[in-house]
Amino acid sequence: MSEARPPRVGPAEEPHTWRPTRFMVIAAHPDDADFGPAATAARWIDEGSVGWLVCCTSGDQGGEDAELDPLELAATREREQQAAAAVVGYEGVTFLHQPDGALVNDLNLREQLVREIRRFRPDAVLAQDPETLFHADRGVNHTDHRAAGIAAADAVYPASRNPMAFPWLVREGLAPHRVHRLYLFWSEKANARVDVSATIDRKFDALRAHASQLQDFDRVEGWIRPWMAEEGQKIGVAAADTFRVIVIDEDEGPEPETTDEAEAVAEASGQA
C-alpha cells in the first residue's frame, strides 16, 4: 500500500486555476493516483478536461502475506484501479507491468511512457516529485515513486518532443508531442494549490475501491481530510491539493470563462 503522507508547503495567495484540456497522470502503483491528485483530476474532468492514468507497475508486492500469488494480487489491484479510475472519470488506464519494488528509470520504461504520451497527447502530465526522498520527518518516499517521477519527467522532456528519441515510434505514427506543464505531487517544494472542495469526496470514493490495500479506511481518511482542509484554508477554500508546477512551455489552456478574464489575458498578451 502506498501511504505517503502529503508534505506541508509554503503559503500560496490564490487558488491555482490553469486547467489542461488533456492531462495524463503517471504513477508507480495502483492507488498512488488516488492517494495523490484524484480530487484535482475529478475537478478538471468535471470542467471538461480529458484524463488518462498510467500505472507503471501493477502493485504485485503490495501485500502482507508472503504466500500470496503475486500475479493474482496484481490482477486484483488492476481491477481495483480500474474501478477507482471510473469513479474519478478517467478516459482509460494503462498498466505498463513493470516490476513492483524494482522500478528503474531506464530506456525501456521511458520508451513506454513516451509511447503513452505521444498516443494520448496531453497538455499536462501529473507525476510524483522525484526529488522527494524524505517526507520531512514523516517517512521515506518509496523507491518506485521516485523512479516513476524521474522517468515521467525525462519522458516529458526532452524525449516525447524529440523525433530522434525512439524514432521507430514516429514510423509507427506516433508523432512527437510537446507537454506544456508538469504537476508534481507529494512534493516538498509545492508552489500551487488547487481548490478541490467540490470533488474531495470523489477522491475518498476512489480510495475505497482499493480494498486490498485499505483495511482501516477511516484512519486513512482521518489524516488526509484534515490535511487537505488545512491547505484549503490557506487559499480560502474548504479543501485543496498541492503541486509543484513546472511550466515547460507557456500555454493559456482553456479559454477564459468570463469577459473580465478574457480582457485580462488579452491585456497581458498586448492584444487589448
C-alpha atoms as a PDB file:
ATOM      1  CA  MET A   1       0.000   0.000   0.000  1.00  0.00           C
ATOM      2  CA  SER A   2       1.254   3.465  -0.896  1.00  0.00           C
ATOM      3  CA  GLU A   3       0.502   5.733   2.069  1.00  0.00           C
ATOM      4  CA  ALA A   4       2.984   8.584   1.786  1.00  0.00           C
ATOM      5  CA  ARG A   5       1.765  11.469   3.904  1.00  0.00           C
ATOM      6  CA  PRO A   6       1.448  14.722   1.942  1.00  0.00           C
ATOM      7  CA  PRO A   7       4.048  17.356   2.807  1.00  0.00           C
ATOM      8  CA  ARG A   8       3.449  20.745   4.366  1.00  0.00           C
ATOM      9  CA  VAL A   9       4.079  23.526   1.886  1.00  0.00           C
ATOM     10  CA  GLY A  10       4.607  27.245   1.936  1.00  0.00           C
ATOM     11  CA  PRO A  11       1.892  29.868   1.509  1.00  0.00           C
ATOM     12  CA  ALA A  12       0.049  30.495  -1.753  1.00  0.00           C
ATOM     13  CA  GLU A  13      -2.169  33.544  -2.033  1.00  0.00           C
ATOM     14  CA  GLU A  14      -4.622  32.408  -4.711  1.00  0.00           C
ATOM     15  CA  PRO A  15      -6.004  29.085  -5.930  1.00  0.00           C
ATOM     16  CA  HIS A  16      -4.270  27.671  -8.987  1.00  0.00           C
ATOM     17  CA  THR A  17      -6.772  27.937 -11.848  1.00  0.00           C
ATOM     18  CA  TRP A  18      -4.962  26.897 -15.054  1.00  0.00           C
ATOM     19  CA  ARG A  19      -6.596  23.763 -16.442  1.00  0.00           C
ATOM     20  CA  PRO A  20      -5.284  21.481 -19.189  1.00  0.00           C
ATOM     21  CA  THR A  21      -7.581  20.323 -21.969  1.00  0.00           C
ATOM     22  CA  ARG A  22      -5.953  16.884 -21.793  1.00  0.00           C
ATOM     23  CA  PHE A  23      -3.850  15.520 -18.948  1.00  0.00           C
ATOM     24  CA  MET A  24      -2.090  12.314 -18.019  1.00  0.00           C
ATOM     25  CA  VAL A  25      -1.345  11.029 -14.533  1.00  0.00           C
ATOM     26  CA  ILE A  26       1.743   8.799 -14.336  1.00  0.00           C
ATOM     27  CA  ALA A  27       2.096   6.850 -11.092  1.00  0.00           C
ATOM     28  CA  ALA A  28       4.201   3.990  -9.813  1.00  0.00           C
ATOM     29  CA  HIS A  29       1.442   1.792  -8.352  1.00  0.00           C
ATOM     30  CA  PRO A  30      -2.301   1.283  -8.368  1.00  0.00           C
ATOM     31  CA  ASP A  31      -3.730   3.607  -5.675  1.00  0.00           C
ATOM     32  CA  ASP A  32      -0.923   6.212  -5.949  1.00  0.00           C
ATOM     33  CA  ALA A  33      -3.058   8.457  -8.170  1.00  0.00           C
ATOM     34  CA  ASP A  34      -5.945   8.202  -5.720  1.00  0.00           C
ATOM     35  CA  PHE A  35      -3.800   8.984  -2.693  1.00  0.00           C
ATOM     36  CA  GLY A  36      -2.364  11.763  -4.872  1.00  0.00           C
ATOM     37  CA  PRO A  37      -4.182  14.052  -7.343  1.00  0.00           C
ATOM     38  CA  ALA A  38      -7.547  12.255  -7.707  1.00  0.00           C
ATOM     39  CA  ALA A  39      -9.582  15.219  -6.470  1.00  0.00           C
ATOM     40  CA  THR A  40      -7.869  17.585  -8.921  1.00  0.00           C
ATOM     41  CA  ALA A  41      -8.309  15.088 -11.747  1.00  0.00           C
ATOM     42  CA  ALA A  42     -12.005  14.766 -10.914  1.00  0.00           C
ATOM     43  CA  ARG A  43     -12.448  18.543 -10.852  1.00  0.00           C
ATOM     44  CA  TRP A  44     -10.701  19.029 -14.196  1.00  0.00           C
ATOM     45  CA  ILE A  45     -12.735  16.229 -15.767  1.00  0.00           C
ATOM     46  CA  ASP A  46     -15.968  17.724 -14.437  1.00  0.00           C
ATOM     47  CA  GLU A  47     -14.950  21.027 -16.041  1.00  0.00           C
ATOM     48  CA  GLY A  48     -14.345  19.442 -19.448  1.00  0.00           C
ATOM     49  CA  SER A  49     -10.800  18.073 -19.428  1.00  0.00           C
ATOM     50  CA  VAL A  50      -9.984  14.544 -20.599  1.00  0.00           C
ATOM     51  CA  GLY A  51      -7.691  12.492 -18.365  1.00  0.00           C
ATOM     52  CA  TRP A  52      -5.746   9.258 -18.729  1.00  0.00           C
ATOM     53  CA  LEU A  53      -3.991   7.253 -15.991  1.00  0.00           C
ATOM     54  CA  VAL A  54      -0.755   5.286 -16.430  1.00  0.00           C
ATOM     55  CA  CYS A  55       0.395   2.848 -13.720  1.00  0.00           C
ATOM     56  CA  CYS A  56       3.997   1.758 -14.168  1.00  0.00           C
ATOM     57  CA  THR A  57       3.522  -1.378 -12.043  1.00  0.00           C
ATOM     58  CA  SER A  58       0.525  -3.462 -11.034  1.00  0.00           C
ATOM     59  CA  GLY A  59       1.436  -3.477  -7.350  1.00  0.00           C
ATOM     60  CA  ASP A  60       2.278  -7.168  -7.085  1.00  0.00           C
ATOM     61  CA  GLN A  61       4.319  -6.555  -3.905  1.00  0.00           C
ATOM     62  CA  GLY A  62       1.503  -4.722  -2.148  1.00  0.00           C
ATOM     63  CA  GLY A  63       0.577  -7.381   0.387  1.00  0.00           C
ATOM     64  CA  GLU A  64       1.401  -8.584   3.895  1.00  0.00           C
ATOM     65  CA  ASP A  65       1.308 -12.354   3.158  1.00  0.00           C
ATOM     66  CA  ALA A  66       4.408 -13.869   1.535  1.00  0.00           C
ATOM     67  CA  GLU A  67       2.262 -16.816   0.418  1.00  0.00           C
ATOM     68  CA  LEU A  68       0.135 -14.621  -1.834  1.00  0.00           C
ATOM     69  CA  ASP A  69       0.413 -15.300  -5.556  1.00  0.00           C
ATOM     70  CA  PRO A  70       1.834 -12.023  -6.911  1.00  0.00           C
ATOM     71  CA  LEU A  71       0.067 -12.479 -10.240  1.00  0.00           C
ATOM     72  CA  GLU A  72      -3.288 -12.838  -8.514  1.00  0.00           C
ATOM     73  CA  LEU A  73      -2.541  -9.804  -6.369  1.00  0.00           C
ATOM     74  CA  ALA A  74      -1.569  -7.798  -9.460  1.00  0.00           C
ATOM     75  CA  ALA A  75      -4.834  -8.771 -11.166  1.00  0.00           C
ATOM     76  CA  THR A  76      -6.791  -7.742  -8.059  1.00  0.00           C
ATOM     77  CA  ARG A  77      -5.060  -4.396  -7.863  1.00  0.00           C
ATOM     78  CA  GLU A  78      -5.623  -3.703 -11.547  1.00  0.00           C
ATOM     79  CA  ARG A  79      -9.339  -4.357 -11.086  1.00  0.00           C
ATOM     80  CA  GLU A  80      -9.388  -2.046  -8.078  1.00  0.00           C
ATOM     81  CA  GLN A  81      -7.608   0.694 -10.016  1.00  0.00           C
ATOM     82  CA  GLN A  82      -9.986   0.364 -12.943  1.00  0.00           C
ATOM     83  CA  ALA A  83     -12.920   0.789 -10.557  1.00  0.00           C
ATOM     84  CA  ALA A  84     -11.292   3.802  -8.894  1.00  0.00           C
ATOM     85  CA  ALA A  85     -10.497   5.359 -12.276  1.00  0.00           C
ATOM     86  CA  ALA A  86     -14.159   5.065 -13.252  1.00  0.00           C
ATOM     87  CA  VAL A  87     -15.102   6.984 -10.091  1.00  0.00           C
ATOM     88  CA  VAL A  88     -12.664   9.787 -10.927  1.00  0.00           C
ATOM     89  CA  GLY A  89     -13.712   9.839 -14.580  1.00  0.00           C
ATOM     90  CA  TYR A  90     -10.529   8.985 -16.499  1.00  0.00           C
ATOM     91  CA  GLU A  91     -11.000   8.046 -20.128  1.00  0.00           C
ATOM     92  CA  GLY A  92      -8.847   4.971 -19.536  1.00  0.00           C
ATOM     93  CA  VAL A  93      -5.986   3.315 -17.675  1.00  0.00           C
ATOM     94  CA  THR A  94      -2.748   1.794 -18.966  1.00  0.00           C
ATOM     95  CA  PHE A  95      -0.701  -0.698 -16.929  1.00  0.00           C
ATOM     96  CA  LEU A  96       2.934  -0.977 -18.024  1.00  0.00           C
ATOM     97  CA  HIS A  97       3.559  -4.166 -15.983  1.00  0.00           C
ATOM     98  CA  GLN A  98       6.965  -3.101 -14.736  1.00  0.00           C
ATOM     99  CA  PRO A  99       8.236  -4.973 -11.636  1.00  0.00           C
ATOM    100  CA  ASP A 100       6.837  -3.667  -8.358  1.00  0.00           C
ATOM    101  CA  GLY A 101       9.617  -2.724  -5.937  1.00  0.00           C
ATOM    102  CA  ALA A 102      12.213  -2.774  -8.723  1.00  0.00           C
ATOM    103  CA  LEU A 103      11.117   0.109 -10.951  1.00  0.00           C
ATOM    104  CA  VAL A 104      14.030   1.877 -12.653  1.00  0.00           C
ATOM    105  CA  ASN A 105      14.257   4.893 -14.912  1.00  0.00           C
ATOM    106  CA  ASP A 106      15.766   3.059 -17.866  1.00  0.00           C
ATOM    107  CA  LEU A 107      15.262   3.323 -21.628  1.00  0.00           C
ATOM    108  CA  ASN A 108      12.602   0.624 -21.582  1.00  0.00           C
ATOM    109  CA  LEU A 109      10.383   2.491 -19.120  1.00  0.00           C
ATOM    110  CA  ARG A 110      10.968   5.847 -20.815  1.00  0.00           C
ATOM    111  CA  GLU A 111      10.039   4.381 -24.195  1.00  0.00           C
ATOM    112  CA  GLN A 112       6.812   3.022 -22.724  1.00  0.00           C
ATOM    113  CA  LEU A 113       5.983   6.412 -21.241  1.00  0.00           C
ATOM    114  CA  VAL A 114       6.868   8.296 -24.426  1.00  0.00           C
ATOM    115  CA  ARG A 115       4.596   5.933 -26.338  1.00  0.00           C
ATOM    116  CA  GLU A 116       1.723   6.715 -23.958  1.00  0.00           C
ATOM    117  CA  ILE A 117       2.360  10.464 -24.071  1.00  0.00           C
ATOM    118  CA  ARG A 118       2.527  10.569 -27.872  1.00  0.00           C
ATOM    119  CA  ARG A 119      -0.574   8.410 -28.129  1.00  0.00           C
ATOM    120  CA  PHE A 120      -2.727  10.456 -25.727  1.00  0.00           C
ATOM    121  CA  ARG A 121      -1.058  13.846 -26.365  1.00  0.00           C
ATOM    122  CA  PRO A 122      -1.677  15.575 -23.001  1.00  0.00           C
ATOM    123  CA  ASP A 123      -1.130  19.253 -22.288  1.00  0.00           C
ATOM    124  CA  ALA A 124      -0.018  18.420 -18.743  1.00  0.00           C
ATOM    125  CA  VAL A 125       1.466  15.386 -17.017  1.00  0.00           C
ATOM    126  CA  LEU A 126       0.989  14.772 -13.288  1.00  0.00           C
ATOM    127  CA  ALA A 127       3.666  12.680 -11.581  1.00  0.00           C
ATOM    128  CA  GLN A 128       5.309  12.030  -8.238  1.00  0.00           C
ATOM    129  CA  ASP A 129       8.068  14.515  -7.382  1.00  0.00           C
ATOM    130  CA  PRO A 130      11.306  12.564  -7.901  1.00  0.00           C
ATOM    131  CA  GLU A 131      13.239  14.953  -5.648  1.00  0.00           C
ATOM    132  CA  THR A 132      11.219  13.926  -2.602  1.00  0.00           C
ATOM    133  CA  LEU A 133      13.374  11.394  -0.781  1.00  0.00           C
ATOM    134  CA  PHE A 134      12.020  12.032   2.718  1.00  0.00           C
ATOM    135  CA  HIS A 135       8.588  13.423   3.637  1.00  0.00           C
ATOM    136  CA  ALA A 136      10.103  15.864   6.138  1.00  0.00           C
ATOM    137  CA  ASP A 137      10.223  13.820   9.354  1.00  0.00           C
ATOM    138  CA  ARG A 138       7.238  11.659   8.439  1.00  0.00           C
ATOM    139  CA  GLY A 139       8.732   8.876   6.346  1.00  0.00           C
ATOM    140  CA  VAL A 140      10.753   7.744   3.340  1.00  0.00           C
ATOM    141  CA  ASN A 141       9.368   8.116  -0.176  1.00  0.00           C
ATOM    142  CA  HIS A 142       9.085   4.724  -1.885  1.00  0.00           C
ATOM    143  CA  THR A 143      11.865   3.990  -4.382  1.00  0.00           C
ATOM    144  CA  ASP A 144       9.280   3.231  -7.084  1.00  0.00           C
ATOM    145  CA  HIS A 145       7.658   6.638  -6.564  1.00  0.00           C
ATOM    146  CA  ARG A 146      10.972   8.368  -7.173  1.00  0.00           C
ATOM    147  CA  ALA A 147      11.755   6.217 -10.222  1.00  0.00           C
ATOM    148  CA  ALA A 148       8.312   6.802 -11.745  1.00  0.00           C
ATOM    149  CA  GLY A 149       8.621  10.536 -11.182  1.00  0.00           C
ATOM    150  CA  ILE A 150      12.005  10.984 -12.824  1.00  0.00           C
ATOM    151  CA  ALA A 151      11.058   8.652 -15.676  1.00  0.00           C
ATOM    152  CA  ALA A 152       7.925  10.727 -16.278  1.00  0.00           C
ATOM    153  CA  ALA A 153       9.955  13.951 -16.268  1.00  0.00           C
ATOM    154  CA  ASP A 154      12.524  12.505 -18.686  1.00  0.00           C
ATOM    155  CA  ALA A 155       9.776  11.189 -20.956  1.00  0.00           C
ATOM    156  CA  VAL A 156       8.077  14.594 -20.988  1.00  0.00           C
ATOM    157  CA  TYR A 157      11.310  16.480 -21.653  1.00  0.00           C
ATOM    158  CA  PRO A 158      13.015  16.025 -23.954  1.00  0.00           C
ATOM    159  CA  ALA A 159      12.037  12.573 -25.198  1.00  0.00           C
ATOM    160  CA  SER A 160       8.353  12.962 -26.101  1.00  0.00           C
ATOM    161  CA  ARG A 161       9.028  16.073 -28.203  1.00  0.00           C
ATOM    162  CA  ASN A 162      12.239  14.839 -29.839  1.00  0.00           C
ATOM    163  CA  PRO A 163      11.699  12.973 -33.134  1.00  0.00           C
ATOM    164  CA  MET A 164      15.136  11.389 -32.771  1.00  0.00           C
ATOM    165  CA  ALA A 165      14.193   9.813 -29.441  1.00  0.00           C
ATOM    166  CA  PHE A 166      12.775   6.356 -30.173  1.00  0.00           C
ATOM    167  CA  PRO A 167      12.396   7.217 -33.893  1.00  0.00           C
ATOM    168  CA  TRP A 168      10.586   3.956 -34.573  1.00  0.00           C
ATOM    169  CA  LEU A 169       7.627   5.419 -32.702  1.00  0.00           C
ATOM    170  CA  VAL A 170       7.384   8.141 -35.359  1.00  0.00           C
ATOM    171  CA  ARG A 171       7.427   5.473 -38.038  1.00  0.00           C
ATOM    172  CA  GLU A 172       4.550   3.785 -36.192  1.00  0.00           C
ATOM    173  CA  GLY A 173       2.546   7.003 -36.497  1.00  0.00           C
ATOM    174  CA  LEU A 174       3.252   8.426 -33.018  1.00  0.00           C
ATOM    175  CA  ALA A 175       4.445  11.930 -33.831  1.00  0.00           C
ATOM    176  CA  PRO A 176       6.489  13.962 -31.313  1.00  0.00           C
ATOM    177  CA  HIS A 177       4.404  15.812 -28.752  1.00  0.00           C
ATOM    178  CA  ARG A 178       5.119  18.808 -26.521  1.00  0.00           C
ATOM    179  CA  VAL A 179       3.782  18.603 -22.959  1.00  0.00           C
ATOM    180  CA  HIS A 180       3.361  22.141 -21.620  1.00  0.00           C
ATOM    181  CA  ARG A 181       3.400  21.554 -17.862  1.00  0.00           C
ATOM    182  CA  LEU A 182       4.417  19.089 -15.192  1.00  0.00           C
ATOM    183  CA  TYR A 183       2.379  18.869 -11.977  1.00  0.00           C
ATOM    184  CA  LEU A 184       4.467  17.110  -9.334  1.00  0.00           C
ATOM    185  CA  PHE A 185       2.560  15.765  -6.347  1.00  0.00           C
ATOM    186  CA  TRP A 186       3.826  14.680  -2.896  1.00  0.00           C
ATOM    187  CA  SER A 187       6.379  17.464  -3.238  1.00  0.00           C
ATOM    188  CA  GLU A 188       8.354  19.235  -0.535  1.00  0.00           C
ATOM    189  CA  LYS A 189       8.595  22.213  -2.919  1.00  0.00           C
ATOM    190  CA  ALA A 190       4.928  22.699  -3.801  1.00  0.00           C
ATOM    191  CA  ASN A 191       4.082  26.108  -5.281  1.00  0.00           C
ATOM    192  CA  ALA A 192       0.402  25.778  -6.195  1.00  0.00           C
ATOM    193  CA  ARG A 193      -2.869  24.755  -4.584  1.00  0.00           C
ATOM    194  CA  VAL A 194      -5.972  23.629  -6.481  1.00  0.00           C
ATOM    195  CA  ASP A 195      -9.424  24.101  -4.938  1.00  0.00           C
ATOM    196  CA  VAL A 196     -10.944  20.609  -4.707  1.00  0.00           C
ATOM    197  CA  SER A 197     -13.775  21.402  -2.309  1.00  0.00           C
ATOM    198  CA  ALA A 198     -16.356  20.034  -4.751  1.00  0.00           C
ATOM    199  CA  THR A 199     -14.519  16.793  -5.546  1.00  0.00           C
ATOM    200  CA  ILE A 200     -12.747  15.739  -2.342  1.00  0.00           C
ATOM    201  CA  ASP A 201     -15.452  13.150  -1.649  1.00  0.00           C
ATOM    202  CA  ARG A 202     -14.812  11.585  -5.083  1.00  0.00           C
ATOM    203  CA  LYS A 203     -11.198  11.100  -4.006  1.00  0.00           C
ATOM    204  CA  PHE A 204     -12.319   9.083  -0.998  1.00  0.00           C
ATOM    205  CA  ASP A 205     -14.818   7.128  -3.084  1.00  0.00           C
ATOM    206  CA  ALA A 206     -11.941   6.221  -5.408  1.00  0.00           C
ATOM    207  CA  LEU A 207      -9.732   5.226  -2.484  1.00  0.00           C
ATOM    208  CA  ARG A 208     -12.454   2.906  -1.170  1.00  0.00           C
ATOM    209  CA  ALA A 209     -12.067   0.859  -4.347  1.00  0.00           C
ATOM    210  CA  HIS A 210      -8.600  -0.247  -3.169  1.00  0.00           C
ATOM    211  CA  ALA A 211      -9.983  -2.714  -0.658  1.00  0.00           C
ATOM    212  CA  SER A 212      -6.923  -4.990  -0.789  1.00  0.00           C
ATOM    213  CA  GLN A 213      -4.779  -2.127   0.499  1.00  0.00           C
ATOM    214  CA  LEU A 214      -7.000  -0.215   2.924  1.00  0.00           C
ATOM    215  CA  GLN A 215      -8.022  -2.363   5.852  1.00  0.00           C
ATOM    216  CA  ASP A 216      -8.612   0.721   8.021  1.00  0.00           C
ATOM    217  CA  PHE A 217     -10.139   3.267   5.689  1.00  0.00           C
ATOM    218  CA  ASP A 218     -11.331   5.547   8.498  1.00  0.00           C
ATOM    219  CA  ARG A 219      -7.766   6.014   9.737  1.00  0.00           C
ATOM    220  CA  VAL A 220      -6.560   6.915   6.236  1.00  0.00           C
ATOM    221  CA  GLU A 221      -9.378   9.394   5.704  1.00  0.00           C
ATOM    222  CA  GLY A 222      -8.719  10.735   9.198  1.00  0.00           C
ATOM    223  CA  TRP A 223      -5.290  12.076   8.265  1.00  0.00           C
ATOM    224  CA  ILE A 224      -5.889  13.009   4.618  1.00  0.00           C
ATOM    225  CA  ARG A 225      -9.078  15.047   5.021  1.00  0.00           C
ATOM    226  CA  PRO A 226      -7.736  17.381   7.768  1.00  0.00           C
ATOM    227  CA  TRP A 227      -4.523  17.966   5.811  1.00  0.00           C
ATOM    228  CA  MET A 228      -6.461  18.922   2.673  1.00  0.00           C
ATOM    229  CA  ALA A 229      -8.677  21.200   4.759  1.00  0.00           C
ATOM    230  CA  GLU A 230      -5.598  22.878   6.241  1.00  0.00           C
ATOM    231  CA  GLU A 231      -4.165  23.514   2.786  1.00  0.00           C
ATOM    232  CA  GLY A 232      -7.545  24.778   1.600  1.00  0.00           C
ATOM    233  CA  GLN A 233      -7.673  27.341   4.396  1.00  0.00           C
ATOM    234  CA  LYS A 234      -4.527  28.953   3.000  1.00  0.00           C
ATOM    235  CA  ILE A 235      -6.394  29.920  -0.168  1.00  0.00           C
ATOM    236  CA  GLY A 236      -9.774  30.444   1.450  1.00  0.00           C
ATOM    237  CA  VAL A 237     -11.486  27.215   0.369  1.00  0.00           C
ATOM    238  CA  ALA A 238     -12.648  24.038   2.101  1.00  0.00           C
ATOM    239  CA  ALA A 239     -10.032  21.668   0.619  1.00  0.00           C
ATOM    240  CA  ALA A 240      -7.001  21.857  -1.670  1.00  0.00           C
ATOM    241  CA  ASP A 241      -4.488  19.650  -3.473  1.00  0.00           C
ATOM    242  CA  THR A 242      -0.869  20.853  -3.585  1.00  0.00           C
ATOM    243  CA  PHE A 243       1.539  20.615  -6.529  1.00  0.00           C
ATOM    244  CA  ARG A 244       4.959  21.711  -7.656  1.00  0.00           C
ATOM    245  CA  VAL A 245       4.106  23.117 -11.078  1.00  0.00           C
ATOM    246  CA  ILE A 246       6.840  23.174 -13.711  1.00  0.00           C
ATOM    247  CA  VAL A 247       5.983  25.306 -16.765  1.00  0.00           C
ATOM    248  CA  ILE A 248       7.914  23.959 -19.751  1.00  0.00           C
ATOM    249  CA  ASP A 249       6.054  25.861 -22.469  1.00  0.00           C
ATOM    250  CA  GLU A 250       3.768  28.824 -21.902  1.00  0.00           C
ATOM    251  CA  ASP A 251       0.198  27.959 -22.788  1.00  0.00           C
ATOM    252  CA  GLU A 252      -3.064  29.690 -21.918  1.00  0.00           C
ATOM    253  CA  GLY A 253      -5.009  26.434 -21.522  1.00  0.00           C
ATOM    254  CA  PRO A 254      -8.812  26.564 -21.968  1.00  0.00           C
ATOM    255  CA  GLU A 255     -10.357  29.874 -22.944  1.00  0.00           C
ATOM    256  CA  PRO A 256     -11.267  32.159 -20.004  1.00  0.00           C
ATOM    257  CA  GLU A 257     -14.897  31.741 -18.987  1.00  0.00           C
ATOM    258  CA  THR A 258     -15.733  35.385 -18.287  1.00  0.00           C
ATOM    259  CA  THR A 259     -15.353  38.636 -20.207  1.00  0.00           C
ATOM    260  CA  ASP A 260     -13.185  40.125 -17.449  1.00  0.00           C
ATOM    261  CA  GLU A 261     -10.826  37.144 -17.572  1.00  0.00           C
ATOM    262  CA  ALA A 262     -10.655  37.319 -21.364  1.00  0.00           C
ATOM    263  CA  GLU A 263      -9.820  41.048 -21.229  1.00  0.00           C
ATOM    264  CA  ALA A 264      -7.121  40.389 -18.622  1.00  0.00           C
ATOM    265  CA  VAL A 265      -5.496  37.749 -20.818  1.00  0.00           C
ATOM    266  CA  ALA A 266      -5.666  39.986 -23.878  1.00  0.00           C
ATOM    267  CA  GLU A 267      -4.134  42.903 -21.961  1.00  0.00           C
ATOM    268  CA  ALA A 268      -1.317  40.713 -20.633  1.00  0.00           C
ATOM    269  CA  SER A 269      -0.534  39.497 -24.143  1.00  0.00           C
ATOM    270  CA  GLY A 270      -0.614  43.001 -25.640  1.00  0.00           C
ATOM    271  CA  GLN A 271      -3.805  42.406 -27.651  1.00  0.00           C
ATOM    272  CA  ALA A 272      -6.063  44.799 -25.744  1.00  0.00           C
END
